[in-house]
Amino acid sequence: MTGAGAGPASGRTPARSGRFAVSGGPGARPVGRHAQSPVEERLAALTRLRHPEATERIRALLAWAGVPAREATGGLKWYDLAVQRQLLAEGPDLVLTALVARPPSPAQLDGAAGLFSSTEWTEAHGRQLPEPLRSTLIGHIEADGTEPMRFRLRHGYYGAERTA
């Protein structure tokens, strides 16, 4: 997640952690094409206040991100995308760690399926996931995934073999 604005000249120094470059801290901005609006910044601040510990915050955001996967609302709303941007703002190693720290709920796995197939995530980190998360997510999608999740699974997301 290094890029423009990272480095000594900007005062932010990206750190390497695992297989992902991580640039974090309280002022971390999300990966992706959109800056946060004032409403999104307030939502992010409230989320950090309610869940100051990163693992718990990420698990809560993943569960929240999983809600639209099971609703027929006609597409993602701004607040769904705001949650996704908050997850993208977290260090990718933290997101992966939060999902394997203890067994994730079905809602958290739904949120993970959406996050890990998003353009922002796949452009920054690719489609591969580490074990055991890869197997857990694929098992969840095969057993109880939505049709869009299964479609993405057949097309090689989540580290699965492409079958379509």
N, C-alpha and C. Protein backbone atom coordinates (compact mmCIF):
# COMPACT_ATOMS: atom_id res chain seq x y z
N MET A 1 0.82 -1.18 0.00
CA MET A 1 0.00 0.00 0.00
C MET A 1 0.86 1.24 0.00
N THR A 2 1.99 1.12 -0.52
CA THR A 2 2.82 2.31 -0.66
C THR A 2 2.38 3.05 -1.89
N GLY A 3 2.69 4.29 -1.97
CA GLY A 3 2.32 5.06 -3.15
C GLY A 3 2.59 6.52 -2.91
N ALA A 4 1.95 7.36 -3.70
CA ALA A 4 2.13 8.79 -3.58
C ALA A 4 1.79 9.22 -2.17
N GLY A 5 2.61 10.05 -1.62
CA GLY A 5 2.35 10.57 -0.29
C GLY A 5 3.01 9.77 0.81
N ALA A 6 3.58 8.60 0.48
CA ALA A 6 4.25 7.81 1.50
C ALA A 6 5.75 8.03 1.38
N GLY A 7 6.43 8.04 2.48
CA GLY A 7 7.88 8.18 2.45
C GLY A 7 8.35 9.31 3.32
N PRO A 8 9.65 9.48 3.40
CA PRO A 8 10.22 10.46 4.31
C PRO A 8 9.75 11.88 4.06
N ALA A 9 9.55 12.26 2.80
CA ALA A 9 9.16 13.64 2.50
C ALA A 9 7.78 13.96 3.04
N SER A 10 6.91 12.95 3.12
CA SER A 10 5.55 13.20 3.58
C SER A 10 5.41 13.08 5.08
N GLY A 11 6.44 12.53 5.74
CA GLY A 11 6.33 12.31 7.18
C GLY A 11 5.72 10.96 7.51
N ARG A 12 5.24 10.24 6.51
CA ARG A 12 4.70 8.90 6.72
C ARG A 12 5.69 7.92 6.11
N THR A 13 6.09 6.96 6.89
CA THR A 13 7.00 5.95 6.37
C THR A 13 6.28 4.63 6.37
N PRO A 14 6.07 4.03 5.19
CA PRO A 14 5.41 2.74 5.15
C PRO A 14 6.31 1.68 5.77
N ALA A 15 5.71 0.76 6.48
CA ALA A 15 6.44 -0.35 7.08
C ALA A 15 6.05 -1.63 6.37
N ARG A 16 6.93 -2.59 6.38
CA ARG A 16 6.62 -3.89 5.78
C ARG A 16 6.23 -4.83 6.91
N SER A 17 5.15 -5.54 6.70
CA SER A 17 4.69 -6.52 7.66
C SER A 17 4.16 -7.70 6.88
N GLY A 18 4.81 -8.84 6.96
CA GLY A 18 4.35 -10.00 6.23
C GLY A 18 4.50 -9.78 4.74
N ARG A 19 3.50 -10.18 3.98
CA ARG A 19 3.62 -10.05 2.53
C ARG A 19 3.02 -8.76 2.00
N PHE A 20 2.45 -7.93 2.86
CA PHE A 20 1.83 -6.69 2.43
C PHE A 20 2.61 -5.51 2.98
N ALA A 21 2.66 -4.44 2.20
CA ALA A 21 3.20 -3.19 2.70
C ALA A 21 2.11 -2.53 3.52
N VAL A 22 2.47 -2.05 4.68
CA VAL A 22 1.47 -1.49 5.58
C VAL A 22 1.82 -0.05 5.88
N SER A 23 0.87 0.83 5.74
CA SER A 23 1.04 2.21 6.13
C SER A 23 -0.13 2.53 7.04
N GLY A 24 0.11 2.66 8.31
CA GLY A 24 -1.02 2.78 9.22
C GLY A 24 -0.88 3.97 10.13
N GLY A 25 -1.59 3.89 11.22
CA GLY A 25 -1.58 4.95 12.20
C GLY A 25 -2.90 5.66 12.22
N PRO A 26 -3.08 6.55 13.14
CA PRO A 26 -4.36 7.23 13.30
C PRO A 26 -4.78 8.03 12.09
N GLY A 27 -3.84 8.53 11.30
CA GLY A 27 -4.19 9.32 10.14
C GLY A 27 -4.22 8.52 8.86
N ALA A 28 -4.21 7.19 8.96
CA ALA A 28 -4.17 6.35 7.76
C ALA A 28 -5.39 6.60 6.90
N ARG A 29 -5.17 6.66 5.61
CA ARG A 29 -6.26 6.86 4.65
C ARG A 29 -6.53 5.55 3.96
N PRO A 30 -7.75 5.32 3.53
CA PRO A 30 -8.09 4.06 2.90
C PRO A 30 -7.43 3.89 1.54
N VAL A 31 -7.20 2.62 1.18
CA VAL A 31 -6.75 2.29 -0.16
C VAL A 31 -7.95 2.47 -1.06
N GLY A 32 -7.77 2.98 -2.23
CA GLY A 32 -8.90 3.10 -3.15
C GLY A 32 -8.94 4.45 -3.80
N ARG A 33 -10.02 4.65 -4.51
CA ARG A 33 -10.15 5.84 -5.35
C ARG A 33 -10.82 7.02 -4.65
N HIS A 34 -11.41 6.81 -3.48
CA HIS A 34 -12.25 7.83 -2.88
C HIS A 34 -11.69 8.28 -1.54
N ALA A 35 -11.66 9.57 -1.32
CA ALA A 35 -11.33 10.12 -0.02
C ALA A 35 -12.58 10.06 0.84
N GLN A 36 -12.38 10.08 2.15
CA GLN A 36 -13.51 10.04 3.05
C GLN A 36 -14.20 11.39 3.11
N SER A 37 -15.52 11.36 3.13
CA SER A 37 -16.31 12.56 3.34
C SER A 37 -16.32 12.86 4.84
N PRO A 38 -16.75 14.06 5.24
CA PRO A 38 -16.84 14.36 6.67
C PRO A 38 -17.74 13.37 7.42
N VAL A 39 -18.81 12.91 6.78
CA VAL A 39 -19.71 11.94 7.43
C VAL A 39 -18.98 10.62 7.63
N GLU A 40 -18.23 10.20 6.62
CA GLU A 40 -17.47 8.96 6.74
C GLU A 40 -16.38 9.08 7.80
N GLU A 41 -15.74 10.25 7.87
CA GLU A 41 -14.71 10.46 8.88
C GLU A 41 -15.33 10.38 10.27
N ARG A 42 -16.51 10.92 10.43
CA ARG A 42 -17.21 10.85 11.74
C ARG A 42 -17.56 9.40 12.06
N LEU A 43 -18.06 8.67 11.07
CA LEU A 43 -18.40 7.26 11.26
C LEU A 43 -17.14 6.47 11.65
N ALA A 44 -16.03 6.73 10.98
CA ALA A 44 -14.77 6.05 11.30
C ALA A 44 -14.32 6.39 12.72
N ALA A 45 -14.45 7.66 13.11
CA ALA A 45 -14.05 8.07 14.45
C ALA A 45 -14.91 7.38 15.50
N LEU A 46 -16.21 7.29 15.26
CA LEU A 46 -17.11 6.62 16.20
C LEU A 46 -16.80 5.13 16.28
N THR A 47 -16.47 4.54 15.15
CA THR A 47 -16.12 3.12 15.14
C THR A 47 -14.84 2.89 15.96
N ARG A 48 -13.83 3.75 15.78
CA ARG A 48 -12.59 3.63 16.56
C ARG A 48 -12.85 3.86 18.05
N LEU A 49 -13.77 4.77 18.37
CA LEU A 49 -14.10 5.04 19.76
C LEU A 49 -14.78 3.83 20.39
N ARG A 50 -15.72 3.25 19.67
CA ARG A 50 -16.47 2.09 20.18
C ARG A 50 -15.62 0.83 20.22
N HIS A 51 -14.70 0.69 19.25
CA HIS A 51 -13.83 -0.49 19.15
C HIS A 51 -12.38 -0.03 19.02
N PRO A 52 -11.76 0.41 20.13
CA PRO A 52 -10.39 0.93 20.04
C PRO A 52 -9.35 -0.13 19.69
N GLU A 53 -9.60 -1.37 20.02
CA GLU A 53 -8.65 -2.45 19.72
C GLU A 53 -8.85 -2.88 18.28
N ALA A 54 -7.77 -2.92 17.50
CA ALA A 54 -7.85 -3.14 16.05
C ALA A 54 -8.54 -4.44 15.67
N THR A 55 -8.22 -5.54 16.32
CA THR A 55 -8.82 -6.83 15.95
C THR A 55 -10.33 -6.80 16.15
N GLU A 56 -10.78 -6.28 17.26
CA GLU A 56 -12.23 -6.21 17.51
C GLU A 56 -12.92 -5.25 16.55
N ARG A 57 -12.26 -4.12 16.26
CA ARG A 57 -12.83 -3.16 15.31
C ARG A 57 -12.98 -3.80 13.93
N ILE A 58 -11.96 -4.50 13.48
CA ILE A 58 -12.00 -5.15 12.18
C ILE A 58 -13.08 -6.22 12.14
N ARG A 59 -13.20 -7.00 13.19
CA ARG A 59 -14.23 -8.05 13.23
C ARG A 59 -15.63 -7.43 13.21
N ALA A 60 -15.81 -6.31 13.92
CA ALA A 60 -17.11 -5.63 13.90
C ALA A 60 -17.39 -5.06 12.50
N LEU A 61 -16.39 -4.46 11.88
CA LEU A 61 -16.57 -3.91 10.53
C LEU A 61 -16.85 -5.02 9.52
N LEU A 62 -16.18 -6.16 9.64
CA LEU A 62 -16.44 -7.27 8.72
C LEU A 62 -17.87 -7.78 8.86
N ALA A 63 -18.36 -7.88 10.09
CA ALA A 63 -19.76 -8.31 10.28
C ALA A 63 -20.71 -7.30 9.66
N TRP A 64 -20.43 -6.02 9.84
CA TRP A 64 -21.26 -4.97 9.26
C TRP A 64 -21.17 -5.03 7.73
N ALA A 65 -19.98 -5.26 7.21
CA ALA A 65 -19.80 -5.34 5.75
C ALA A 65 -20.52 -6.56 5.17
N GLY A 66 -20.77 -7.57 5.99
CA GLY A 66 -21.45 -8.77 5.50
C GLY A 66 -22.95 -8.61 5.35
N VAL A 67 -23.54 -7.63 5.97
CA VAL A 67 -24.99 -7.44 5.92
C VAL A 67 -25.53 -7.29 4.50
N PRO A 68 -24.95 -6.42 3.66
CA PRO A 68 -25.54 -6.23 2.32
C PRO A 68 -25.46 -7.47 1.43
N ALA A 69 -24.59 -8.42 1.76
CA ALA A 69 -24.49 -9.64 0.95
C ALA A 69 -25.78 -10.45 0.99
N ARG A 70 -26.54 -10.31 2.06
CA ARG A 70 -27.77 -11.11 2.24
C ARG A 70 -29.03 -10.29 2.06
N GLU A 71 -28.91 -9.01 1.74
CA GLU A 71 -30.08 -8.16 1.57
C GLU A 71 -30.32 -7.85 0.10
N ALA A 72 -31.56 -7.79 -0.28
CA ALA A 72 -31.92 -7.42 -1.65
C ALA A 72 -32.31 -5.94 -1.68
N THR A 73 -31.31 -5.07 -1.49
CA THR A 73 -31.59 -3.63 -1.41
C THR A 73 -31.37 -2.92 -2.73
N GLY A 74 -30.90 -3.65 -3.72
CA GLY A 74 -30.68 -3.02 -5.01
C GLY A 74 -29.31 -2.39 -5.15
N GLY A 75 -28.34 -2.87 -4.40
CA GLY A 75 -26.98 -2.36 -4.54
C GLY A 75 -26.44 -1.82 -3.23
N LEU A 76 -25.16 -1.56 -3.22
CA LEU A 76 -24.51 -1.04 -2.03
C LEU A 76 -24.87 0.42 -1.82
N LYS A 77 -25.08 0.78 -0.59
CA LYS A 77 -25.36 2.16 -0.19
C LYS A 77 -24.05 2.83 0.22
N TRP A 78 -24.08 4.15 0.37
CA TRP A 78 -22.86 4.88 0.73
C TRP A 78 -22.27 4.36 2.02
N TYR A 79 -23.11 3.99 2.99
CA TYR A 79 -22.59 3.54 4.28
C TYR A 79 -21.97 2.16 4.17
N ASP A 80 -22.42 1.32 3.22
CA ASP A 80 -21.76 0.04 2.99
C ASP A 80 -20.36 0.27 2.44
N LEU A 81 -20.25 1.21 1.51
CA LEU A 81 -18.94 1.53 0.95
C LEU A 81 -18.05 2.21 1.98
N ALA A 82 -18.65 2.97 2.88
CA ALA A 82 -17.87 3.62 3.95
C ALA A 82 -17.25 2.56 4.86
N VAL A 83 -17.99 1.50 5.15
CA VAL A 83 -17.46 0.41 5.98
C VAL A 83 -16.32 -0.28 5.24
N GLN A 84 -16.51 -0.52 3.95
CA GLN A 84 -15.45 -1.15 3.17
C GLN A 84 -14.19 -0.28 3.16
N ARG A 85 -14.35 1.02 3.03
CA ARG A 85 -13.19 1.92 3.04
C ARG A 85 -12.50 1.91 4.40
N GLN A 86 -13.28 1.77 5.49
CA GLN A 86 -12.65 1.66 6.81
C GLN A 86 -11.81 0.39 6.89
N LEU A 87 -12.33 -0.70 6.35
CA LEU A 87 -11.56 -1.95 6.35
C LEU A 87 -10.30 -1.82 5.50
N LEU A 88 -10.41 -1.16 4.37
CA LEU A 88 -9.25 -0.96 3.50
C LEU A 88 -8.20 -0.06 4.15
N ALA A 89 -8.63 0.80 5.07
CA ALA A 89 -7.72 1.70 5.77
C ALA A 89 -6.92 0.96 6.85
N GLU A 90 -7.42 -0.18 7.28
CA GLU A 90 -6.69 -0.98 8.26
C GLU A 90 -5.53 -1.68 7.55
N GLY A 91 -4.51 -2.00 8.28
CA GLY A 91 -3.41 -2.75 7.69
C GLY A 91 -3.89 -4.11 7.22
N PRO A 92 -3.52 -4.52 6.02
CA PRO A 92 -4.00 -5.80 5.50
C PRO A 92 -3.62 -6.98 6.37
N ASP A 93 -2.43 -6.95 6.97
CA ASP A 93 -2.05 -8.04 7.88
C ASP A 93 -2.96 -8.07 9.10
N LEU A 94 -3.39 -6.89 9.57
CA LEU A 94 -4.33 -6.85 10.69
C LEU A 94 -5.67 -7.47 10.31
N VAL A 95 -6.15 -7.19 9.11
CA VAL A 95 -7.43 -7.76 8.65
C VAL A 95 -7.31 -9.28 8.60
N LEU A 96 -6.23 -9.78 8.02
CA LEU A 96 -6.05 -11.23 7.93
C LEU A 96 -5.93 -11.85 9.31
N THR A 97 -5.19 -11.21 10.20
CA THR A 97 -5.01 -11.71 11.56
C THR A 97 -6.33 -11.73 12.32
N ALA A 98 -7.14 -10.69 12.15
CA ALA A 98 -8.44 -10.62 12.84
C ALA A 98 -9.34 -11.78 12.45
N LEU A 99 -9.22 -12.23 11.22
CA LEU A 99 -10.07 -13.33 10.75
C LEU A 99 -9.60 -14.70 11.22
N VAL A 100 -8.34 -14.82 11.60
CA VAL A 100 -7.85 -16.12 12.06
C VAL A 100 -7.60 -16.14 13.57
N ALA A 101 -7.76 -15.01 14.24
CA ALA A 101 -7.53 -14.94 15.68
C ALA A 101 -8.46 -15.88 16.43
N ARG A 102 -9.66 -15.97 15.97
CA ARG A 102 -10.66 -16.93 16.47
C ARG A 102 -11.64 -17.14 15.34
N PRO A 103 -12.41 -18.22 15.38
CA PRO A 103 -13.29 -18.51 14.23
C PRO A 103 -14.25 -17.35 13.93
N PRO A 104 -14.27 -16.91 12.67
CA PRO A 104 -15.18 -15.81 12.31
C PRO A 104 -16.62 -16.30 12.20
N SER A 105 -17.55 -15.38 12.40
CA SER A 105 -18.98 -15.68 12.26
C SER A 105 -19.33 -15.73 10.78
N PRO A 106 -20.48 -16.31 10.43
CA PRO A 106 -20.91 -16.27 9.02
C PRO A 106 -21.00 -14.85 8.47
N ALA A 107 -21.48 -13.90 9.27
CA ALA A 107 -21.57 -12.51 8.80
C ALA A 107 -20.18 -11.94 8.53
N GLN A 108 -19.21 -12.25 9.40
CA GLN A 108 -17.85 -11.78 9.18
C GLN A 108 -17.25 -12.40 7.92
N LEU A 109 -17.56 -13.67 7.65
CA LEU A 109 -17.08 -14.31 6.43
C LEU A 109 -17.73 -13.70 5.19
N ASP A 110 -19.02 -13.34 5.30
CA ASP A 110 -19.68 -12.64 4.19
C ASP A 110 -18.99 -11.31 3.92
N GLY A 111 -18.66 -10.58 4.99
CA GLY A 111 -17.96 -9.31 4.84
C GLY A 111 -16.57 -9.50 4.25
N ALA A 112 -15.88 -10.55 4.68
CA ALA A 112 -14.56 -10.85 4.14
C ALA A 112 -14.64 -11.19 2.65
N ALA A 113 -15.69 -11.94 2.26
CA ALA A 113 -15.86 -12.29 0.85
C ALA A 113 -16.02 -11.03 0.00
N GLY A 114 -16.77 -10.07 0.50
CA GLY A 114 -16.95 -8.81 -0.23
C GLY A 114 -15.66 -8.00 -0.28
N LEU A 115 -14.96 -7.93 0.85
CA LEU A 115 -13.72 -7.15 0.91
C LEU A 115 -12.66 -7.75 0.00
N PHE A 116 -12.45 -9.06 0.10
CA PHE A 116 -11.36 -9.70 -0.64
C PHE A 116 -11.62 -9.82 -2.13
N SER A 117 -12.84 -9.54 -2.55
CA SER A 117 -13.13 -9.53 -3.99
C SER A 117 -13.31 -8.11 -4.53
N SER A 118 -13.14 -7.12 -3.67
CA SER A 118 -13.27 -5.73 -4.12
C SER A 118 -12.10 -5.35 -5.01
N THR A 119 -12.35 -4.46 -5.92
CA THR A 119 -11.30 -3.99 -6.82
C THR A 119 -10.15 -3.38 -6.03
N GLU A 120 -10.45 -2.61 -5.01
CA GLU A 120 -9.41 -1.96 -4.22
C GLU A 120 -8.49 -2.99 -3.55
N TRP A 121 -9.07 -4.06 -2.99
CA TRP A 121 -8.26 -5.08 -2.33
C TRP A 121 -7.44 -5.85 -3.36
N THR A 122 -8.10 -6.33 -4.42
CA THR A 122 -7.39 -7.18 -5.38
C THR A 122 -6.31 -6.41 -6.13
N GLU A 123 -6.52 -5.13 -6.42
CA GLU A 123 -5.47 -4.34 -7.08
C GLU A 123 -4.26 -4.15 -6.16
N ALA A 124 -4.51 -4.00 -4.88
CA ALA A 124 -3.42 -3.76 -3.93
C ALA A 124 -2.74 -5.05 -3.46
N HIS A 125 -3.52 -6.15 -3.36
CA HIS A 125 -3.00 -7.36 -2.71
C HIS A 125 -3.18 -8.64 -3.50
N GLY A 126 -3.86 -8.57 -4.62
CA GLY A 126 -4.10 -9.78 -5.41
C GLY A 126 -5.29 -10.58 -4.89
N ARG A 127 -5.50 -11.73 -5.50
CA ARG A 127 -6.66 -12.57 -5.16
C ARG A 127 -6.31 -13.69 -4.19
N GLN A 128 -5.05 -13.90 -3.90
CA GLN A 128 -4.63 -15.01 -3.05
C GLN A 128 -4.86 -14.68 -1.58
N LEU A 129 -5.20 -15.70 -0.80
CA LEU A 129 -5.35 -15.58 0.64
C LEU A 129 -4.51 -16.66 1.31
N PRO A 130 -3.97 -16.37 2.48
CA PRO A 130 -3.18 -17.38 3.19
C PRO A 130 -4.09 -18.44 3.83
N GLU A 131 -3.51 -19.62 4.03
CA GLU A 131 -4.20 -20.66 4.81
C GLU A 131 -4.08 -20.29 6.27
N PRO A 132 -5.00 -20.62 7.13
CA PRO A 132 -6.23 -21.37 6.91
C PRO A 132 -7.42 -20.51 6.46
N LEU A 133 -7.19 -19.20 6.35
CA LEU A 133 -8.28 -18.31 5.96
C LEU A 133 -8.86 -18.70 4.60
N ARG A 134 -7.99 -19.01 3.66
CA ARG A 134 -8.43 -19.40 2.32
C ARG A 134 -9.43 -20.55 2.39
N SER A 135 -9.07 -21.62 3.09
CA SER A 135 -9.94 -22.80 3.20
C SER A 135 -11.24 -22.48 3.94
N THR A 136 -11.13 -21.70 4.99
CA THR A 136 -12.32 -21.32 5.77
C THR A 136 -13.30 -20.55 4.90
N LEU A 137 -12.80 -19.55 4.17
CA LEU A 137 -13.67 -18.72 3.35
C LEU A 137 -14.27 -19.52 2.20
N ILE A 138 -13.47 -20.34 1.54
CA ILE A 138 -13.99 -21.17 0.43
C ILE A 138 -15.04 -22.14 0.96
N GLY A 139 -14.79 -22.76 2.11
CA GLY A 139 -15.79 -23.67 2.70
C GLY A 139 -17.10 -22.96 3.02
N HIS A 140 -17.00 -21.75 3.55
CA HIS A 140 -18.20 -20.96 3.85
C HIS A 140 -18.98 -20.65 2.58
N ILE A 141 -18.28 -20.24 1.54
CA ILE A 141 -18.95 -19.87 0.28
C ILE A 141 -19.58 -21.10 -0.36
N GLU A 142 -18.87 -22.22 -0.37
CA GLU A 142 -19.43 -23.45 -0.95
C GLU A 142 -20.66 -23.93 -0.18
N ALA A 143 -20.65 -23.79 1.14
CA ALA A 143 -21.76 -24.27 1.97
C ALA A 143 -22.93 -23.30 2.03
N ASP A 144 -22.63 -22.01 2.11
CA ASP A 144 -23.71 -21.05 2.39
C ASP A 144 -23.54 -19.72 1.67
N GLY A 145 -22.68 -19.66 0.66
CA GLY A 145 -22.44 -18.40 -0.03
C GLY A 145 -23.57 -17.99 -0.93
N THR A 146 -23.62 -16.72 -1.24
CA THR A 146 -24.61 -16.19 -2.18
C THR A 146 -24.15 -16.50 -3.60
N GLU A 147 -25.01 -16.32 -4.55
CA GLU A 147 -24.62 -16.57 -5.95
C GLU A 147 -23.47 -15.65 -6.38
N PRO A 148 -23.48 -14.35 -6.04
CA PRO A 148 -22.32 -13.52 -6.41
C PRO A 148 -21.01 -14.02 -5.79
N MET A 149 -21.05 -14.53 -4.55
CA MET A 149 -19.84 -15.07 -3.94
C MET A 149 -19.37 -16.31 -4.70
N ARG A 150 -20.31 -17.18 -5.05
CA ARG A 150 -19.95 -18.39 -5.79
C ARG A 150 -19.41 -18.05 -7.18
N PHE A 151 -19.98 -17.04 -7.80
CA PHE A 151 -19.48 -16.59 -9.11
C PHE A 151 -18.02 -16.17 -9.00
N ARG A 152 -17.73 -15.34 -7.97
CA ARG A 152 -16.36 -14.88 -7.79
C ARG A 152 -15.43 -16.05 -7.45
N LEU A 153 -15.92 -17.01 -6.69
CA LEU A 153 -15.13 -18.19 -6.36
C LEU A 153 -14.76 -18.97 -7.63
N ARG A 154 -15.74 -19.16 -8.51
CA ARG A 154 -15.48 -19.87 -9.77
C ARG A 154 -14.50 -19.12 -10.66
N HIS A 155 -14.40 -17.81 -10.47
CA HIS A 155 -13.51 -16.98 -11.30
C HIS A 155 -12.17 -16.70 -10.62
N GLY A 156 -11.83 -17.49 -9.62
CA GLY A 156 -10.50 -17.44 -9.05
C GLY A 156 -10.26 -16.48 -7.91
N TYR A 157 -11.30 -15.88 -7.36
CA TYR A 157 -11.10 -15.03 -6.20
C TYR A 157 -10.91 -15.90 -4.97
N TYR A 158 -10.43 -15.32 -3.90
CA TYR A 158 -10.22 -15.95 -2.60
C TYR A 158 -9.12 -17.02 -2.64
N GLY A 159 -8.28 -17.02 -3.69
CA GLY A 159 -7.23 -18.00 -3.81
C GLY A 159 -7.70 -19.33 -4.37
N ALA A 160 -8.92 -19.37 -4.87
CA ALA A 160 -9.47 -20.60 -5.43
C ALA A 160 -8.96 -20.83 -6.84
N GLU A 161 -8.99 -22.07 -7.25
CA GLU A 161 -8.67 -22.40 -8.64
C GLU A 161 -9.81 -21.90 -9.52
N ARG A 162 -9.47 -21.28 -10.62
CA ARG A 162 -10.48 -20.78 -11.56
C ARG A 162 -11.14 -21.96 -12.25
N THR A 163 -12.49 -22.02 -12.21
CA THR A 163 -13.23 -23.11 -12.85
C THR A 163 -14.15 -22.63 -13.96
N ALA A 164 -14.21 -21.33 -14.16
CA ALA A 164 -15.10 -20.79 -15.19
C ALA A 164 -14.29 -20.08 -16.26
